[in-house]
Amino acid sequence: MANLKNEQKKAIARELYLHGDFTFEEVASKVGVTRQTVSKWSHEGDWPSIKAGMTVGKEKTLQHLYAHVQTINEKILESEERTPTPAQADILAKLSASIAKLEGDSGIRELVNAGMAFLTWLRQTEPAKAVEFCSYWDAFIKSKL
């Protein structure tokens, strides 16, 4: 991989990190850069958030949020006053806002999956354009987080 340009190495490193189970050191070794370089790229591109979005889908996240709402509502009903405390009301409001946002937005996982399918196709036909697309796609996904 010594003949690859830095942007190409970065794109390959990103793919290895997102779709593999590699450490920064392993990714660095595979693309021929230092671990610190991969760490810098990861931080700049927010790779951990993208990977989390890929592994924790929208539906699973919604299930967890609804479970939290149910738990809080059960505690409220068990209390003598049967009304939420200020802290419970605040948490319920935040959970409700998160649920509304998730239900209204396309999930990051769906976006990433579509982009990855397109990138796989593009690599076969136009490898140079795939590298360019990848940098734009990273910026787009980051803007959605």
Foldseek 3Di string as FASTA:
>chain_A
DVPDDPLVLLLQLLCCVLPHDDQLCVSCVVSVHHSVVNVVSCVVLVSVVLSVLQVQDLVNVLVVLVVVLVVLQVVLCPDPVSDDDPVSVVSNVVSVVVNVVSVPDHGSNVLVVVLVVVLVVCCVPPVVVSSVSSVVSSVVSVVVD
